[in-house]
N, C-alpha and C. Protein backbone atom coordinates (compact mmCIF):
# COMPACT_ATOMS: atom_id res chain seq x y z
N MET A 1 19.83 17.46 8.52
CA MET A 1 20.71 16.76 7.64
C MET A 1 20.44 16.89 6.22
N LYS A 2 21.31 17.10 5.68
CA LYS A 2 20.93 17.31 3.85
C LYS A 2 20.83 16.01 3.60
N LEU A 3 19.79 16.06 2.48
CA LEU A 3 19.26 14.74 1.69
C LEU A 3 19.57 14.72 0.39
N LEU A 4 19.96 13.63 -0.36
CA LEU A 4 20.36 13.65 -1.61
C LEU A 4 19.26 12.66 -2.27
N ILE A 5 18.27 12.72 -3.12
CA ILE A 5 17.32 11.94 -3.46
C ILE A 5 17.91 11.55 -4.85
N HIS A 6 18.22 10.42 -5.14
CA HIS A 6 18.68 9.96 -6.57
C HIS A 6 17.49 9.78 -7.75
N TYR A 7 16.61 9.21 -7.25
CA TYR A 7 15.50 8.57 -8.41
C TYR A 7 14.70 9.51 -8.81
N LEU A 8 14.48 10.78 -8.37
CA LEU A 8 13.60 11.80 -8.99
C LEU A 8 14.48 12.63 -10.25
N GLN A 9 13.74 12.98 -11.02
CA GLN A 9 14.29 13.79 -12.35
C GLN A 9 14.86 15.23 -11.93
N SER A 10 16.17 15.60 -12.11
CA SER A 10 16.25 16.88 -12.04
C SER A 10 16.10 17.76 -13.15
N LEU A 11 15.78 18.94 -12.99
CA LEU A 11 15.61 19.76 -13.95
C LEU A 11 16.17 19.90 -15.29
N PHE A 12 17.68 19.62 -14.93
CA PHE A 12 18.56 19.37 -16.32
C PHE A 12 18.04 18.30 -17.28
N TYR A 13 17.74 17.15 -16.76
CA TYR A 13 17.43 16.02 -17.54
C TYR A 13 15.95 16.20 -17.92
N VAL A 14 15.03 16.79 -17.16
CA VAL A 14 13.71 16.96 -17.62
C VAL A 14 13.87 17.76 -18.77
N ALA A 15 14.55 18.92 -18.64
CA ALA A 15 14.57 20.06 -19.60
C ALA A 15 15.18 19.15 -20.99
N LEU A 16 16.25 18.59 -20.86
CA LEU A 16 16.76 17.70 -21.84
C LEU A 16 15.71 16.81 -22.79
N SER A 17 15.34 16.05 -21.64
CA SER A 17 14.45 15.01 -22.30
C SER A 17 12.96 15.99 -22.84
N SER A 18 12.69 16.56 -22.34
CA SER A 18 11.41 17.54 -22.84
C SER A 18 11.84 18.21 -24.25
N ALA A 19 12.99 18.68 -24.26
CA ALA A 19 13.20 19.46 -25.37
C ALA A 19 13.15 18.52 -26.59
N PHE A 20 13.79 17.34 -26.58
CA PHE A 20 13.61 16.24 -27.52
C PHE A 20 12.26 15.85 -27.98
N ILE A 21 11.52 15.56 -26.91
CA ILE A 21 10.19 15.17 -27.29
C ILE A 21 9.41 16.23 -27.86
N PHE A 22 9.51 17.56 -27.45
CA PHE A 22 8.72 18.61 -28.10
C PHE A 22 9.35 19.36 -29.48
N ALA A 23 10.46 18.83 -29.50
CA ALA A 23 11.12 19.72 -30.77
C ALA A 23 10.42 19.37 -31.97
N ASN A 24 9.84 18.33 -32.42
CA ASN A 24 9.30 18.09 -33.57
C ASN A 24 8.13 18.92 -33.69
N SER A 25 7.25 18.83 -32.63
CA SER A 25 6.05 19.45 -32.66
C SER A 25 6.17 21.32 -32.67
N CYS A 26 7.28 21.56 -32.06
CA CYS A 26 7.15 23.03 -31.88
C CYS A 26 7.31 23.85 -33.20
N ALA A 27 7.88 23.18 -34.09
CA ALA A 27 7.95 23.90 -35.41
C ALA A 27 6.38 24.05 -36.02
N GLN A 28 5.61 23.44 -35.71
CA GLN A 28 4.16 23.91 -35.88
C GLN A 28 3.61 24.93 -35.33
N PRO A 29 2.66 26.03 -36.11
CA PRO A 29 2.31 27.22 -35.45
C PRO A 29 1.15 26.92 -34.45
N GLU A 30 0.37 25.85 -34.78
CA GLU A 30 -0.47 25.40 -33.85
C GLU A 30 0.05 24.99 -32.28
N HIS A 31 1.27 24.87 -32.09
CA HIS A 31 1.68 24.34 -30.97
C HIS A 31 2.52 25.27 -30.22
N ARG A 32 1.85 26.45 -30.22
CA ARG A 32 2.16 27.72 -29.22
C ARG A 32 2.85 27.39 -27.90
N PHE A 33 1.99 26.56 -27.09
CA PHE A 33 2.22 26.02 -25.93
C PHE A 33 3.77 25.35 -25.87
N ASN A 34 3.93 24.50 -26.77
CA ASN A 34 5.20 23.81 -26.79
C ASN A 34 6.23 24.79 -27.12
N ASN A 35 6.09 25.74 -28.07
CA ASN A 35 7.13 26.75 -28.14
C ASN A 35 7.28 27.45 -26.81
N ARG A 36 6.50 27.90 -26.10
CA ARG A 36 6.75 28.38 -24.83
C ARG A 36 7.29 27.49 -23.83
N LEU A 37 7.04 26.41 -23.97
CA LEU A 37 7.48 25.35 -23.09
C LEU A 37 9.08 25.26 -23.45
N LEU A 38 9.29 24.80 -24.72
CA LEU A 38 10.61 24.70 -25.12
C LEU A 38 11.56 25.97 -24.86
N GLN A 39 11.06 27.28 -25.06
CA GLN A 39 11.67 28.55 -24.66
C GLN A 39 12.15 28.51 -23.22
N SER A 40 10.88 28.27 -22.35
CA SER A 40 11.26 28.29 -20.98
C SER A 40 12.20 27.31 -20.44
N LEU A 41 12.61 26.07 -21.28
CA LEU A 41 13.30 25.11 -20.95
C LEU A 41 14.76 25.62 -21.33
N SER A 42 14.81 26.10 -22.60
CA SER A 42 16.03 26.87 -23.02
C SER A 42 16.63 27.83 -21.84
N ASN A 43 15.75 28.73 -21.67
CA ASN A 43 16.17 29.76 -20.63
C ASN A 43 16.57 29.21 -19.25
N HIS A 44 16.21 28.45 -18.94
CA HIS A 44 16.61 27.82 -17.51
C HIS A 44 17.42 26.75 -17.49
N SER A 45 17.99 26.22 -18.57
CA SER A 45 18.57 24.96 -18.57
C SER A 45 20.13 25.67 -18.44
N GLN A 46 21.04 24.92 -17.83
CA GLN A 46 22.50 25.09 -17.93
C GLN A 46 23.27 23.96 -18.69
N VAL A 47 24.30 24.09 -19.12
CA VAL A 47 25.35 23.14 -19.44
C VAL A 47 26.58 23.16 -18.34
N LEU A 48 26.94 22.03 -17.90
CA LEU A 48 27.84 22.06 -16.82
C LEU A 48 29.21 21.15 -17.60
N ASP A 49 30.00 21.84 -17.34
CA ASP A 49 31.48 21.30 -17.93
C ASP A 49 32.10 20.52 -16.68
N THR A 50 31.75 19.14 -16.61
CA THR A 50 32.36 18.35 -15.74
C THR A 50 33.80 18.03 -15.75
N LYS A 51 34.46 18.37 -16.77
CA LYS A 51 35.86 18.20 -16.98
C LYS A 51 36.60 19.31 -16.14
N GLN A 52 36.03 20.61 -16.13
CA GLN A 52 36.84 21.75 -15.51
C GLN A 52 36.17 22.26 -14.21
N ALA A 53 37.14 22.93 -13.38
CA ALA A 53 36.85 23.25 -12.30
C ALA A 53 35.54 24.56 -12.23
N ARG A 54 35.32 25.12 -13.39
CA ARG A 54 34.26 25.90 -13.46
C ARG A 54 32.82 25.15 -13.61
N GLY A 55 32.90 23.89 -14.05
CA GLY A 55 31.70 23.39 -13.75
C GLY A 55 31.24 23.06 -12.44
N LEU A 56 32.24 22.80 -11.36
CA LEU A 56 32.06 22.67 -9.88
C LEU A 56 31.16 23.83 -9.59
N GLU A 57 32.02 25.13 -9.84
CA GLU A 57 31.31 26.42 -9.56
C GLU A 57 30.13 26.65 -9.92
N GLN A 58 29.67 26.35 -11.18
CA GLN A 58 28.34 26.16 -11.73
C GLN A 58 27.42 25.52 -10.83
N PHE A 59 28.05 24.38 -10.55
CA PHE A 59 27.04 23.41 -10.03
C PHE A 59 26.69 24.01 -8.55
N HIS A 60 27.85 24.24 -7.82
CA HIS A 60 27.59 24.88 -6.33
C HIS A 60 26.64 26.14 -6.77
N GLN A 61 26.59 27.15 -7.40
CA GLN A 61 25.74 27.90 -7.64
C GLN A 61 24.25 27.54 -7.89
N ILE A 62 24.32 26.38 -8.66
CA ILE A 62 22.54 25.81 -9.11
C ILE A 62 22.34 25.48 -7.64
N ILE A 63 22.89 24.59 -6.94
CA ILE A 63 22.57 23.88 -5.70
C ILE A 63 22.08 24.91 -4.62
N GLY A 64 23.34 25.85 -4.41
CA GLY A 64 23.00 27.19 -3.49
C GLY A 64 23.16 26.39 -2.10
N ASP A 65 22.06 26.84 -1.18
CA ASP A 65 22.01 26.37 0.09
C ASP A 65 21.10 25.09 0.23
N ALA A 66 20.61 24.42 -0.80
CA ALA A 66 19.40 23.66 -0.66
C ALA A 66 19.84 22.50 0.19
N THR A 67 18.81 21.82 0.74
CA THR A 67 19.08 20.64 1.76
C THR A 67 18.60 19.45 1.00
N LEU A 68 18.08 19.54 -0.06
CA LEU A 68 17.52 18.39 -0.83
C LEU A 68 17.77 18.64 -2.29
N VAL A 69 18.46 17.64 -2.88
CA VAL A 69 18.91 17.71 -4.32
C VAL A 69 18.43 16.53 -5.03
N CYS A 70 17.73 16.57 -5.74
CA CYS A 70 17.03 15.40 -6.64
C CYS A 70 17.85 15.35 -8.13
N LEU A 71 18.58 14.28 -8.24
CA LEU A 71 19.16 13.95 -9.57
C LEU A 71 18.42 12.86 -10.28
N GLY A 72 18.51 12.84 -11.39
CA GLY A 72 17.92 11.68 -12.38
C GLY A 72 18.39 11.54 -13.70
N GLU A 73 17.85 10.92 -14.32
CA GLU A 73 18.56 10.64 -15.70
C GLU A 73 17.34 10.42 -16.96
N SER A 74 17.36 10.53 -18.04
CA SER A 74 16.32 10.38 -19.10
C SER A 74 16.24 8.88 -19.16
N ARG A 75 17.34 8.11 -18.94
CA ARG A 75 17.40 6.43 -19.12
C ARG A 75 18.43 5.96 -17.96
N HIS A 76 18.23 5.06 -17.23
CA HIS A 76 18.89 4.37 -16.68
C HIS A 76 20.22 3.82 -17.07
N ASP A 77 20.31 3.35 -18.47
CA ASP A 77 21.42 2.53 -18.97
C ASP A 77 22.35 3.47 -19.93
N ILE A 78 22.41 4.77 -19.68
CA ILE A 78 23.43 5.51 -20.20
C ILE A 78 24.64 5.99 -19.37
N ARG A 79 25.66 5.46 -19.99
CA ARG A 79 26.93 5.48 -19.10
C ARG A 79 27.41 6.90 -18.67
N GLU A 80 27.08 7.66 -19.59
CA GLU A 80 27.76 9.14 -19.48
C GLU A 80 26.61 9.70 -18.68
N GLN A 81 25.45 9.72 -18.56
CA GLN A 81 24.68 10.20 -17.54
C GLN A 81 25.00 9.93 -16.22
N PHE A 82 25.18 8.66 -15.99
CA PHE A 82 25.51 8.07 -14.65
C PHE A 82 26.77 8.59 -14.21
N GLN A 83 27.83 8.60 -15.05
CA GLN A 83 29.06 9.28 -14.78
C GLN A 83 28.86 10.72 -14.27
N THR A 84 27.99 11.59 -14.90
CA THR A 84 27.71 12.66 -14.64
C THR A 84 27.28 12.88 -13.34
N LYS A 85 26.31 12.11 -12.82
CA LYS A 85 25.57 12.01 -11.79
C LYS A 85 26.63 11.88 -10.45
N SER A 86 27.27 10.63 -10.80
CA SER A 86 28.40 10.21 -10.06
C SER A 86 29.48 11.55 -9.39
N TRP A 87 29.66 12.38 -10.53
CA TRP A 87 30.50 13.55 -10.40
C TRP A 87 29.50 14.54 -9.39
N MET A 88 28.39 14.75 -9.75
CA MET A 88 27.59 15.40 -8.93
C MET A 88 27.51 14.96 -7.44
N VAL A 89 27.35 13.51 -7.21
CA VAL A 89 27.23 13.13 -6.06
C VAL A 89 28.50 13.28 -5.15
N ARG A 90 29.51 13.03 -5.86
CA ARG A 90 30.75 13.11 -5.06
C ARG A 90 31.01 14.80 -4.74
N HIS A 91 30.56 15.60 -5.45
CA HIS A 91 30.78 17.14 -5.13
C HIS A 91 29.86 17.34 -3.80
N LEU A 92 28.59 16.82 -4.15
CA LEU A 92 27.58 17.10 -2.87
C LEU A 92 27.78 16.63 -1.42
N VAL A 93 28.39 15.60 -1.63
CA VAL A 93 29.11 14.96 -0.40
C VAL A 93 30.45 15.61 0.05
N GLU A 94 31.52 15.76 -0.78
CA GLU A 94 32.76 16.46 -0.36
C GLU A 94 32.62 17.85 -0.07
N ALA A 95 31.95 18.48 -0.93
CA ALA A 95 31.90 20.21 -0.80
C ALA A 95 30.83 20.55 -0.11
N GLN A 96 29.52 20.10 -0.10
CA GLN A 96 28.27 20.56 0.52
C GLN A 96 27.77 19.73 1.68
N GLY A 97 28.57 18.54 2.21
CA GLY A 97 28.00 18.11 3.33
C GLY A 97 26.79 16.92 3.23
N PHE A 98 26.50 16.66 1.99
CA PHE A 98 25.25 15.90 1.73
C PHE A 98 25.74 14.27 2.39
N ARG A 99 24.94 13.92 3.01
CA ARG A 99 25.42 12.55 3.59
C ARG A 99 24.23 11.46 3.53
N VAL A 100 23.04 11.78 2.83
CA VAL A 100 22.14 10.68 2.69
C VAL A 100 21.80 10.49 1.16
N PHE A 101 21.92 9.33 0.67
CA PHE A 101 21.73 8.85 -0.71
C PHE A 101 20.46 7.87 -0.99
N VAL A 102 19.33 8.34 -1.59
CA VAL A 102 18.27 7.46 -1.76
C VAL A 102 18.17 7.29 -3.17
N LEU A 103 18.03 5.65 -3.39
CA LEU A 103 17.93 5.17 -4.69
C LEU A 103 16.80 4.55 -5.17
N GLU A 104 16.05 4.57 -6.33
CA GLU A 104 14.94 3.81 -6.87
C GLU A 104 15.32 2.26 -6.64
N GLU A 105 15.16 1.76 -5.40
CA GLU A 105 15.75 0.43 -5.08
C GLU A 105 14.70 -0.01 -3.72
N SER A 106 14.66 -1.29 -3.67
CA SER A 106 13.81 -1.93 -2.80
C SER A 106 14.38 -1.17 -1.35
N LEU A 107 13.41 -0.66 -0.61
CA LEU A 107 13.95 -0.20 0.76
C LEU A 107 14.60 -1.26 1.71
N PRO A 108 14.19 -2.38 1.85
CA PRO A 108 14.85 -3.29 2.70
C PRO A 108 16.20 -3.84 2.17
N TYR A 109 16.02 -3.87 0.70
CA TYR A 109 17.47 -4.28 0.08
C TYR A 109 18.38 -3.24 0.21
N ALA A 110 18.25 -2.13 0.10
CA ALA A 110 19.11 -0.86 0.33
C ALA A 110 19.70 -1.06 1.72
N LYS A 111 18.90 -1.47 2.73
CA LYS A 111 19.63 -1.61 4.14
C LYS A 111 20.86 -2.48 3.93
N ARG A 112 20.94 -3.54 2.98
CA ARG A 112 22.24 -4.40 3.07
C ARG A 112 23.42 -3.66 2.54
N ILE A 113 23.04 -2.76 1.27
CA ILE A 113 24.19 -1.72 0.94
C ILE A 113 24.53 -0.63 1.85
N ASP A 114 23.52 -0.29 2.70
CA ASP A 114 24.04 0.53 3.72
C ASP A 114 24.86 0.02 4.56
N HIS A 115 24.56 -1.23 5.22
CA HIS A 115 25.44 -2.17 6.04
C HIS A 115 26.89 -2.06 5.22
N TRP A 116 26.84 -2.44 4.17
CA TRP A 116 28.38 -2.71 3.50
C TRP A 116 28.96 -1.30 3.24
N LEU A 117 28.19 -0.28 3.02
CA LEU A 117 28.97 0.97 3.30
C LEU A 117 29.75 1.37 4.33
N ALA A 118 28.85 1.03 5.43
CA ALA A 118 29.38 1.42 6.74
C ALA A 118 30.48 0.20 7.36
N SER A 119 30.30 -0.78 7.05
CA SER A 119 31.19 -1.90 7.33
C SER A 119 32.40 -2.50 6.48
N GLY A 120 31.82 -2.52 5.20
CA GLY A 120 32.74 -3.36 4.16
C GLY A 120 32.57 -4.54 4.34
N GLU A 121 31.51 -5.18 5.11
CA GLU A 121 31.36 -6.80 5.13
C GLU A 121 30.50 -6.99 3.96
N GLY A 122 30.79 -8.29 3.18
CA GLY A 122 30.32 -8.64 2.08
C GLY A 122 30.76 -8.30 0.84
N ASN A 123 30.18 -8.85 -0.07
CA ASN A 123 30.89 -8.68 -1.47
C ASN A 123 30.12 -7.74 -2.54
N LEU A 124 30.49 -6.64 -2.88
CA LEU A 124 30.15 -5.45 -3.64
C LEU A 124 29.54 -5.94 -4.83
N ASP A 125 30.06 -6.93 -5.57
CA ASP A 125 29.78 -7.59 -7.11
C ASP A 125 28.29 -8.37 -6.47
N GLU A 126 28.12 -8.99 -5.41
CA GLU A 126 27.16 -9.79 -5.20
C GLU A 126 25.80 -9.05 -4.75
N LEU A 127 26.43 -7.89 -3.92
CA LEU A 127 25.31 -6.75 -3.49
C LEU A 127 24.82 -6.24 -4.81
N VAL A 128 25.41 -5.70 -5.57
CA VAL A 128 24.67 -4.99 -6.71
C VAL A 128 23.98 -5.83 -7.82
N SER A 129 24.55 -7.13 -8.01
CA SER A 129 23.85 -8.11 -8.98
C SER A 129 22.66 -8.57 -8.19
N GLY A 130 22.55 -8.43 -6.93
CA GLY A 130 21.27 -8.94 -6.22
C GLY A 130 20.32 -7.98 -5.97
N MET A 131 20.39 -6.62 -6.28
CA MET A 131 19.61 -5.58 -6.22
C MET A 131 18.42 -5.97 -6.98
N SER A 132 17.39 -5.49 -6.15
CA SER A 132 16.04 -5.73 -7.05
C SER A 132 15.71 -5.21 -8.62
N ASN A 133 16.34 -4.27 -8.66
CA ASN A 133 16.52 -3.58 -9.94
C ASN A 133 17.69 -3.79 -10.55
N TRP A 134 18.38 -4.87 -10.78
CA TRP A 134 19.63 -5.43 -10.93
C TRP A 134 20.17 -4.98 -12.40
N PHE A 135 18.91 -5.02 -13.31
CA PHE A 135 19.26 -4.59 -14.69
C PHE A 135 19.10 -3.04 -14.84
N ILE A 136 18.89 -2.58 -13.86
CA ILE A 136 19.35 -1.04 -14.01
C ILE A 136 20.54 -0.74 -13.29
N TRP A 137 20.74 -1.37 -12.25
CA TRP A 137 22.02 -0.79 -11.27
C TRP A 137 23.26 -1.85 -11.58
N ASP A 138 22.93 -2.84 -11.97
CA ASP A 138 24.35 -3.66 -12.12
C ASP A 138 25.30 -3.21 -13.32
N THR A 139 25.91 -1.97 -13.04
CA THR A 139 26.68 -1.58 -14.00
C THR A 139 28.01 -1.20 -13.31
N GLU A 140 28.88 -1.01 -14.06
CA GLU A 140 30.39 -0.63 -13.64
C GLU A 140 30.30 0.66 -12.94
N GLU A 141 29.41 1.83 -13.41
CA GLU A 141 29.44 3.06 -12.82
C GLU A 141 28.82 2.89 -11.62
N MET A 142 27.72 2.12 -11.20
CA MET A 142 27.13 1.93 -10.08
C MET A 142 28.25 1.20 -9.01
N ARG A 143 28.85 0.31 -9.50
CA ARG A 143 29.93 -0.38 -8.48
C ARG A 143 31.10 0.79 -7.86
N GLU A 144 31.41 1.74 -9.33
CA GLU A 144 32.53 2.39 -8.88
C GLU A 144 31.74 3.61 -7.81
N LEU A 145 30.71 3.89 -7.87
CA LEU A 145 30.06 4.93 -7.18
C LEU A 145 29.92 4.29 -5.71
N LEU A 146 29.44 3.19 -5.62
CA LEU A 146 29.56 2.50 -4.27
C LEU A 146 30.62 2.36 -3.71
N ALA A 147 31.71 1.88 -4.49
CA ALA A 147 33.06 1.73 -3.99
C ALA A 147 33.63 2.96 -3.51
N TRP A 148 33.34 4.17 -4.05
CA TRP A 148 33.71 5.49 -3.78
C TRP A 148 33.34 5.76 -2.50
N MET A 149 32.00 5.66 -2.40
CA MET A 149 31.21 5.69 -0.92
C MET A 149 31.43 4.88 0.09
N ARG A 150 32.07 3.81 -0.13
CA ARG A 150 32.65 3.00 1.17
C ARG A 150 33.91 3.44 1.33
N GLU A 151 34.88 3.70 0.50
CA GLU A 151 35.97 4.40 0.87
C GLU A 151 35.83 5.82 1.52
N TYR A 152 35.09 6.48 1.32
CA TYR A 152 34.80 7.84 1.70
C TYR A 152 34.31 7.71 3.42
N ASN A 153 33.53 6.63 3.59
CA ASN A 153 32.91 6.14 4.78
C ASN A 153 33.96 5.80 5.53
N ARG A 154 35.03 4.96 5.06
CA ARG A 154 36.03 4.44 5.95
C ARG A 154 37.08 5.69 6.19
N THR A 155 37.16 6.76 5.76
CA THR A 155 37.86 7.67 6.05
C THR A 155 37.42 8.81 6.94
N VAL A 156 36.19 8.74 7.42
CA VAL A 156 35.39 9.93 8.23
C VAL A 156 34.79 9.17 9.60
N PRO A 157 34.49 10.15 10.55
CA PRO A 157 33.86 9.45 11.46
C PRO A 157 32.56 9.03 11.37
N GLU A 158 31.96 8.21 12.29
CA GLU A 158 30.78 7.52 11.89
C GLU A 158 29.46 8.37 11.69
N GLY A 159 29.47 9.68 12.47
CA GLY A 159 28.44 10.72 12.11
C GLY A 159 28.61 11.29 10.93
N GLU A 160 29.65 11.20 10.13
CA GLU A 160 29.82 12.00 8.97
C GLU A 160 29.62 11.05 7.92
N ARG A 161 29.49 9.85 7.80
CA ARG A 161 29.32 8.65 6.92
C ARG A 161 28.22 8.76 5.99
N ILE A 162 28.27 8.44 4.95
CA ILE A 162 27.07 8.57 3.67
C ILE A 162 26.25 7.35 4.02
N ARG A 163 24.98 7.53 4.13
CA ARG A 163 23.81 6.48 4.29
C ARG A 163 23.28 6.37 3.06
N PHE A 164 22.94 4.93 2.99
CA PHE A 164 21.94 4.66 1.62
C PHE A 164 20.92 3.94 2.08
N PHE A 165 19.71 4.55 1.38
CA PHE A 165 18.27 4.04 1.47
C PHE A 165 17.57 3.95 0.18
N GLY A 166 16.70 3.07 0.40
CA GLY A 166 16.04 2.74 -1.23
C GLY A 166 14.84 3.36 -0.84
N SER A 167 13.81 3.67 -2.19
CA SER A 167 12.51 4.31 -1.92
C SER A 167 11.59 3.71 -2.82
N ASP A 168 11.58 2.32 -2.97
CA ASP A 168 10.90 1.77 -3.91
C ASP A 168 10.52 0.12 -3.16
N MET A 169 9.37 -0.48 -3.64
CA MET A 169 9.18 -1.90 -2.99
C MET A 169 8.88 -2.66 -4.18
N THR A 170 10.22 -2.82 -5.04
CA THR A 170 10.08 -3.74 -6.05
C THR A 170 10.47 -4.91 -5.78
N ASP A 171 10.61 -5.30 -4.56
CA ASP A 171 11.01 -6.77 -4.14
C ASP A 171 10.49 -7.02 -2.65
N PRO A 172 9.15 -7.17 -2.87
CA PRO A 172 8.27 -7.20 -1.42
C PRO A 172 8.78 -8.50 -0.70
N ALA A 173 9.37 -9.49 -1.07
CA ALA A 173 10.02 -10.65 -0.55
C ALA A 173 11.22 -10.34 0.34
N THR A 174 12.03 -9.40 -0.01
CA THR A 174 13.04 -9.17 0.90
C THR A 174 12.58 -8.28 2.07
N GLY A 175 11.46 -7.48 1.94
CA GLY A 175 10.66 -6.81 3.25
C GLY A 175 10.18 -7.93 4.03
N ILE A 176 9.56 -8.83 3.50
CA ILE A 176 8.96 -9.79 4.28
C ILE A 176 10.02 -10.64 5.26
N GLU A 177 11.00 -10.96 4.47
CA GLU A 177 12.29 -11.56 5.36
C GLU A 177 12.65 -10.67 6.29
N LEU A 178 12.90 -9.36 6.15
CA LEU A 178 13.38 -8.55 7.50
C LEU A 178 12.44 -8.57 8.39
N VAL A 179 10.93 -8.60 8.12
CA VAL A 179 10.07 -8.65 9.35
C VAL A 179 10.23 -9.90 10.11
N HIS A 180 10.38 -10.92 9.36
CA HIS A 180 10.22 -12.31 10.26
C HIS A 180 11.30 -12.48 11.07
């Protein structure tokens, strides 16, 4: 099964973040390592046009036949970054067959979201605002992505549904509740 890991940093965002971090020091001759790093990042970074079909083609070429794709962002609270990530997730699901989404969220709490994605039982706003990292994920963009995942799951057979998992233990109390 193909996996989609959300919380790890993708090369694109690492390259972008690193370029900003090192840009100042790269002008100094004594920082040749930083110059090489910036050059390498420039050589391997690609700009994706998420508004055009060409962007999908580029993204598909970058992913190739990978079975694990890691997406990330330089900050969790930037709307445009999450919109781009959402665009990528939708493509990975619809065009490339990915069905597992792992988020930097409490593993036990993610089980509640996975249940909602499969059944529609519960209230999306309450689920998102109750996430252990609510300050990070309690956004319009997260709600839109989860709502899209729920709608997708509603239209496909059970074996093709998107599953949602957490990879963090930020809320141990939720895990203790599940054990008891």
